[in-house]
């Protein structure tokens, strides 16, 4: 079974009131799944999630990114939208910053 079938079943369970026919039908997709298959699906799902990457790998073409700065606000680590301009990284407040990691921004809501 593909990951998408399980995603669809989980969404159906979230949208239907528990105990309804729609919810029970969706829940039955998971009933007889072997643990190894559950583990494989979790690994596959995790691989689809964005991960923090070293800032040296970030595009320097003006693409907005989510950046992590270890000393961002009051010497505590923090995250902000960042963008590379011609002389360095800037956060969403237009302050120059020194991120160590980045990840792509999520897509728009559906």
N, C-alpha and C. Protein backbone atom coordinates (compact mmCIF):
# COMPACT_ATOMS: atom_id res chain seq x y z
N UNK A 1 0.83 -1.18 0.00
CA UNK A 1 0.00 0.00 0.00
C UNK A 1 0.87 1.24 0.00
N UNK A 2 0.42 2.24 -0.67
CA UNK A 2 1.20 3.46 -0.77
C UNK A 2 0.97 4.35 0.45
N UNK A 3 1.92 5.22 0.67
CA UNK A 3 1.80 6.19 1.76
C UNK A 3 0.55 7.04 1.58
N UNK A 4 0.20 7.38 0.35
CA UNK A 4 -0.95 8.25 0.10
C UNK A 4 -2.24 7.62 0.60
N UNK A 5 -2.38 6.30 0.47
CA UNK A 5 -3.60 5.64 0.95
C UNK A 5 -3.76 5.84 2.46
N UNK A 6 -2.66 5.75 3.19
CA UNK A 6 -2.71 5.93 4.64
C UNK A 6 -2.94 7.39 5.01
N UNK A 7 -2.36 8.28 4.25
CA UNK A 7 -2.60 9.72 4.49
C UNK A 7 -4.08 10.02 4.29
N UNK A 8 -4.65 9.49 3.21
CA UNK A 8 -6.08 9.72 2.94
C UNK A 8 -6.95 9.14 4.05
N UNK A 9 -6.59 7.94 4.55
CA UNK A 9 -7.37 7.32 5.62
C UNK A 9 -7.26 8.15 6.90
N UNK A 10 -6.07 8.64 7.21
CA UNK A 10 -5.90 9.45 8.42
C UNK A 10 -6.70 10.74 8.32
N UNK A 11 -6.72 11.37 7.15
CA UNK A 11 -7.51 12.59 6.95
C UNK A 11 -9.00 12.30 7.09
N UNK A 12 -9.43 11.15 6.58
CA UNK A 12 -10.85 10.78 6.70
C UNK A 12 -11.22 10.58 8.17
N UNK A 13 -10.31 9.99 8.94
CA UNK A 13 -10.57 9.80 10.36
C UNK A 13 -10.64 11.14 11.11
N UNK A 14 -9.82 12.09 10.69
CA UNK A 14 -9.83 13.41 11.33
C UNK A 14 -11.12 14.16 11.03
N UNK A 15 -11.64 13.99 9.83
CA UNK A 15 -12.80 14.79 9.42
C UNK A 15 -14.15 14.16 9.82
N UNK A 16 -14.15 12.88 10.09
CA UNK A 16 -15.42 12.21 10.44
C UNK A 16 -15.54 12.07 11.96
N UNK A 17 -16.73 12.19 12.48
CA UNK A 17 -16.92 11.95 13.92
C UNK A 17 -16.58 10.50 14.26
N UNK A 18 -15.89 10.30 15.37
CA UNK A 18 -15.47 8.96 15.77
C UNK A 18 -16.68 8.05 15.91
N UNK A 19 -16.53 6.84 15.37
CA UNK A 19 -17.59 5.84 15.47
C UNK A 19 -18.54 5.81 14.28
N UNK A 20 -18.49 6.84 13.44
CA UNK A 20 -19.35 6.83 12.26
C UNK A 20 -18.83 5.82 11.25
N UNK A 21 -19.65 5.48 10.30
CA UNK A 21 -19.26 4.50 9.28
C UNK A 21 -18.01 4.96 8.52
N UNK A 22 -17.97 6.24 8.20
CA UNK A 22 -16.80 6.78 7.47
C UNK A 22 -15.53 6.63 8.30
N UNK A 23 -15.64 6.93 9.61
CA UNK A 23 -14.48 6.83 10.49
C UNK A 23 -14.02 5.38 10.63
N UNK A 24 -14.96 4.47 10.84
CA UNK A 24 -14.63 3.05 11.01
C UNK A 24 -13.99 2.49 9.73
N UNK A 25 -14.53 2.85 8.57
CA UNK A 25 -13.96 2.38 7.30
C UNK A 25 -12.51 2.85 7.16
N UNK A 26 -12.27 4.11 7.48
CA UNK A 26 -10.90 4.65 7.39
C UNK A 26 -9.99 3.98 8.42
N UNK A 27 -10.47 3.77 9.62
CA UNK A 27 -9.66 3.14 10.68
C UNK A 27 -9.29 1.71 10.31
N UNK A 28 -10.15 1.01 9.61
CA UNK A 28 -9.88 -0.38 9.22
C UNK A 28 -8.69 -0.50 8.29
N UNK A 29 -8.32 0.58 7.60
CA UNK A 29 -7.14 0.56 6.74
C UNK A 29 -5.90 0.24 7.58
N UNK A 30 -5.89 0.71 8.83
CA UNK A 30 -4.73 0.53 9.70
C UNK A 30 -4.78 -0.75 10.54
N UNK A 31 -5.94 -1.39 10.63
CA UNK A 31 -6.17 -2.48 11.58
C UNK A 31 -5.17 -3.63 11.47
N UNK A 32 -4.95 -4.12 10.28
CA UNK A 32 -4.13 -5.32 10.13
C UNK A 32 -2.72 -5.01 9.62
N UNK A 33 -2.31 -3.78 9.75
CA UNK A 33 -1.00 -3.39 9.24
C UNK A 33 0.11 -3.94 10.15
N UNK A 34 1.08 -4.69 9.58
CA UNK A 34 2.18 -5.19 10.40
C UNK A 34 3.06 -4.03 10.89
N UNK A 35 3.69 -4.22 12.05
CA UNK A 35 4.53 -3.17 12.62
C UNK A 35 5.65 -2.75 11.68
N UNK A 36 6.21 -3.68 10.95
CA UNK A 36 7.30 -3.35 10.01
C UNK A 36 6.80 -2.39 8.93
N UNK A 37 5.57 -2.60 8.49
CA UNK A 37 5.00 -1.72 7.47
C UNK A 37 4.73 -0.33 8.07
N UNK A 38 4.27 -0.28 9.31
CA UNK A 38 4.07 1.01 9.97
C UNK A 38 5.40 1.75 10.07
N UNK A 39 6.45 1.04 10.48
CA UNK A 39 7.77 1.66 10.60
C UNK A 39 8.26 2.18 9.24
N UNK A 40 8.07 1.39 8.21
CA UNK A 40 8.50 1.82 6.87
C UNK A 40 7.76 3.07 6.42
N UNK A 41 6.45 3.14 6.71
CA UNK A 41 5.68 4.32 6.34
C UNK A 41 6.12 5.55 7.13
N UNK A 42 6.42 5.36 8.41
CA UNK A 42 6.90 6.49 9.22
C UNK A 42 8.24 7.01 8.71
N UNK A 43 9.12 6.10 8.32
CA UNK A 43 10.42 6.51 7.77
C UNK A 43 10.21 7.26 6.46
N UNK A 44 9.33 6.74 5.61
CA UNK A 44 9.04 7.42 4.34
C UNK A 44 8.43 8.80 4.58
N UNK A 45 7.50 8.88 5.52
CA UNK A 45 6.87 10.17 5.81
C UNK A 45 7.89 11.15 6.35
N UNK A 46 8.78 10.70 7.23
CA UNK A 46 9.81 11.58 7.78
C UNK A 46 10.73 12.12 6.70
N UNK A 47 11.01 11.29 5.70
CA UNK A 47 11.90 11.74 4.62
C UNK A 47 11.27 12.84 3.77
N UNK A 48 9.95 12.99 3.84
CA UNK A 48 9.27 14.03 3.07
C UNK A 48 9.26 15.38 3.79
N UNK A 49 9.56 15.37 5.09
CA UNK A 49 9.56 16.62 5.86
C UNK A 49 10.84 17.40 5.61
N UNK A 50 10.73 18.73 5.55
CA UNK A 50 11.96 19.52 5.37
C UNK A 50 12.85 19.40 6.60
N UNK A 51 14.14 19.44 6.38
CA UNK A 51 15.12 19.33 7.46
C UNK A 51 15.98 20.60 7.47
N UNK A 52 16.51 20.93 8.65
CA UNK A 52 17.45 22.03 8.73
C UNK A 52 18.71 21.66 7.95
N UNK A 53 19.19 22.62 7.16
CA UNK A 53 20.41 22.41 6.37
C UNK A 53 21.40 23.51 6.71
N UNK A 54 22.67 23.23 6.52
CA UNK A 54 23.71 24.22 6.78
C UNK A 54 23.52 25.44 5.88
N UNK A 55 23.74 26.61 6.41
CA UNK A 55 23.49 27.84 5.67
C UNK A 55 24.38 27.95 4.42
N UNK A 56 25.51 27.25 4.41
CA UNK A 56 26.40 27.29 3.24
C UNK A 56 25.73 26.69 2.00
N UNK A 57 24.68 25.89 2.20
CA UNK A 57 23.96 25.27 1.08
C UNK A 57 22.78 26.12 0.60
N UNK A 58 22.51 27.23 1.27
CA UNK A 58 21.32 28.04 0.96
C UNK A 58 21.48 28.80 -0.35
N UNK A 59 20.39 28.93 -1.10
CA UNK A 59 20.45 29.72 -2.33
C UNK A 59 20.62 31.21 -1.98
N UNK A 60 21.45 31.88 -2.74
CA UNK A 60 21.69 33.32 -2.53
C UNK A 60 21.12 34.10 -3.71
N UNK A 61 19.85 33.81 -4.01
CA UNK A 61 19.19 34.42 -5.17
C UNK A 61 17.96 35.24 -4.78
N UNK A 62 17.83 35.58 -3.50
CA UNK A 62 16.67 36.35 -3.06
C UNK A 62 15.49 35.51 -2.63
N UNK A 63 15.64 34.18 -2.62
CA UNK A 63 14.56 33.30 -2.19
C UNK A 63 14.36 33.43 -0.68
N UNK A 64 13.14 33.71 -0.21
CA UNK A 64 12.91 33.74 1.24
C UNK A 64 13.00 32.33 1.83
N UNK A 65 13.65 32.22 2.97
CA UNK A 65 13.86 30.94 3.64
C UNK A 65 13.55 31.11 5.13
N UNK A 66 13.41 29.99 5.82
CA UNK A 66 13.33 30.02 7.28
C UNK A 66 14.74 29.82 7.79
N UNK A 67 15.25 30.78 8.55
CA UNK A 67 16.61 30.70 9.05
C UNK A 67 16.65 30.50 10.55
N UNK A 68 17.70 29.85 11.02
CA UNK A 68 17.93 29.68 12.45
C UNK A 68 19.20 30.44 12.82
N UNK A 69 19.09 31.30 13.83
CA UNK A 69 20.22 32.05 14.34
C UNK A 69 20.41 31.66 15.81
N UNK A 70 21.60 31.14 16.19
CA UNK A 70 21.80 30.69 17.56
C UNK A 70 21.77 31.83 18.58
N UNK A 71 22.03 33.04 18.15
CA UNK A 71 22.01 34.19 19.06
C UNK A 71 21.17 35.28 18.42
N UNK A 72 19.85 35.06 18.41
CA UNK A 72 18.97 35.93 17.63
C UNK A 72 18.35 37.05 18.45
N UNK A 73 17.76 36.73 19.58
CA UNK A 73 17.06 37.72 20.37
C UNK A 73 17.45 37.51 21.83
N UNK A 74 17.99 38.53 22.45
CA UNK A 74 18.46 38.47 23.84
C UNK A 74 19.38 37.26 24.05
N UNK A 75 20.26 37.05 23.07
CA UNK A 75 21.25 35.96 23.10
C UNK A 75 20.64 34.57 23.20
N UNK A 76 19.41 34.43 22.73
CA UNK A 76 18.77 33.12 22.66
C UNK A 76 18.59 32.77 21.19
N UNK A 77 18.61 31.50 20.89
CA UNK A 77 18.41 31.07 19.52
C UNK A 77 17.00 31.41 19.04
N UNK A 78 16.87 31.63 17.75
CA UNK A 78 15.56 31.95 17.21
C UNK A 78 15.48 31.70 15.72
N UNK A 79 14.27 31.77 15.22
CA UNK A 79 14.00 31.54 13.80
C UNK A 79 13.34 32.78 13.21
N UNK A 80 13.60 33.00 11.95
CA UNK A 80 12.99 34.12 11.25
C UNK A 80 13.05 33.84 9.76
N UNK A 81 12.18 34.49 9.03
CA UNK A 81 12.30 34.46 7.58
C UNK A 81 13.55 35.26 7.23
N UNK A 82 14.39 34.70 6.38
CA UNK A 82 15.62 35.37 5.97
C UNK A 82 15.69 35.43 4.46
N UNK A 83 16.49 36.33 3.97
CA UNK A 83 16.72 36.44 2.53
C UNK A 83 18.13 36.97 2.31
N UNK A 84 18.80 36.48 1.27
CA UNK A 84 20.14 36.96 0.93
C UNK A 84 19.99 38.17 0.03
N UNK A 85 20.60 39.26 0.45
CA UNK A 85 20.71 40.44 -0.39
C UNK A 85 22.18 40.57 -0.77
N UNK A 86 22.56 41.57 -1.53
CA UNK A 86 23.90 41.57 -2.10
C UNK A 86 25.04 41.56 -1.09
N UNK A 87 24.81 41.98 0.16
CA UNK A 87 25.91 42.01 1.12
C UNK A 87 25.70 41.12 2.34
N UNK A 88 24.72 40.20 2.31
CA UNK A 88 24.55 39.29 3.42
C UNK A 88 23.10 38.88 3.65
N UNK A 89 22.88 38.18 4.79
CA UNK A 89 21.56 37.70 5.16
C UNK A 89 20.83 38.75 5.97
N UNK A 90 19.52 38.89 5.68
CA UNK A 90 18.66 39.83 6.40
C UNK A 90 17.41 39.10 6.87
N UNK A 91 16.92 39.50 8.06
CA UNK A 91 15.71 38.88 8.58
C UNK A 91 14.48 39.66 8.14
N UNK A 92 13.32 39.22 8.62
CA UNK A 92 12.07 39.83 8.18
C UNK A 92 11.86 41.24 8.75
N UNK A 93 12.76 41.69 9.63
CA UNK A 93 12.68 43.06 10.14
C UNK A 93 13.70 43.96 9.45
N UNK A 94 14.37 43.44 8.44
CA UNK A 94 15.39 44.14 7.65
C UNK A 94 16.69 44.35 8.43
N UNK A 95 16.92 43.51 9.46
CA UNK A 95 18.19 43.55 10.18
C UNK A 95 19.14 42.52 9.58
N UNK A 96 20.41 42.92 9.45
CA UNK A 96 21.41 41.96 9.00
C UNK A 96 21.58 40.90 10.09
N UNK A 97 21.70 39.64 9.69
CA UNK A 97 21.76 38.55 10.65
C UNK A 97 22.75 37.49 10.20
N UNK A 98 23.07 36.56 11.08
CA UNK A 98 24.05 35.51 10.77
C UNK A 98 23.45 34.14 11.08
N UNK A 99 22.62 33.64 10.18
CA UNK A 99 22.03 32.31 10.39
C UNK A 99 23.08 31.21 10.24
N UNK A 100 22.84 30.12 10.93
CA UNK A 100 23.71 28.94 10.79
C UNK A 100 23.03 27.83 9.99
N UNK A 101 21.69 27.85 9.97
CA UNK A 101 20.92 26.81 9.28
C UNK A 101 19.70 27.43 8.60
N UNK A 102 19.13 26.68 7.66
CA UNK A 102 17.94 27.14 6.96
C UNK A 102 17.11 25.94 6.55
N UNK A 103 15.85 26.23 6.19
CA UNK A 103 15.00 25.25 5.51
C UNK A 103 14.03 26.03 4.64
N UNK A 104 13.49 25.41 3.61
CA UNK A 104 12.52 26.11 2.76
C UNK A 104 11.27 26.49 3.55
N UNK A 105 10.64 27.57 3.16
CA UNK A 105 9.37 27.94 3.77
C UNK A 105 8.29 26.96 3.32
N UNK A 106 7.29 26.72 4.14
CA UNK A 106 6.20 25.82 3.71
C UNK A 106 5.38 26.47 2.61
N UNK A 107 4.67 25.66 1.88
CA UNK A 107 3.78 26.16 0.84
C UNK A 107 2.57 26.85 1.45
N UNK A 108 1.82 27.48 0.60
CA UNK A 108 0.59 28.17 1.04
C UNK A 108 -0.45 27.14 1.47
N UNK A 109 -1.35 27.52 2.38
CA UNK A 109 -2.41 26.59 2.78
C UNK A 109 -3.29 26.21 1.60
N UNK A 110 -3.85 25.00 1.70
CA UNK A 110 -4.75 24.53 0.64
C UNK A 110 -6.17 24.67 1.06
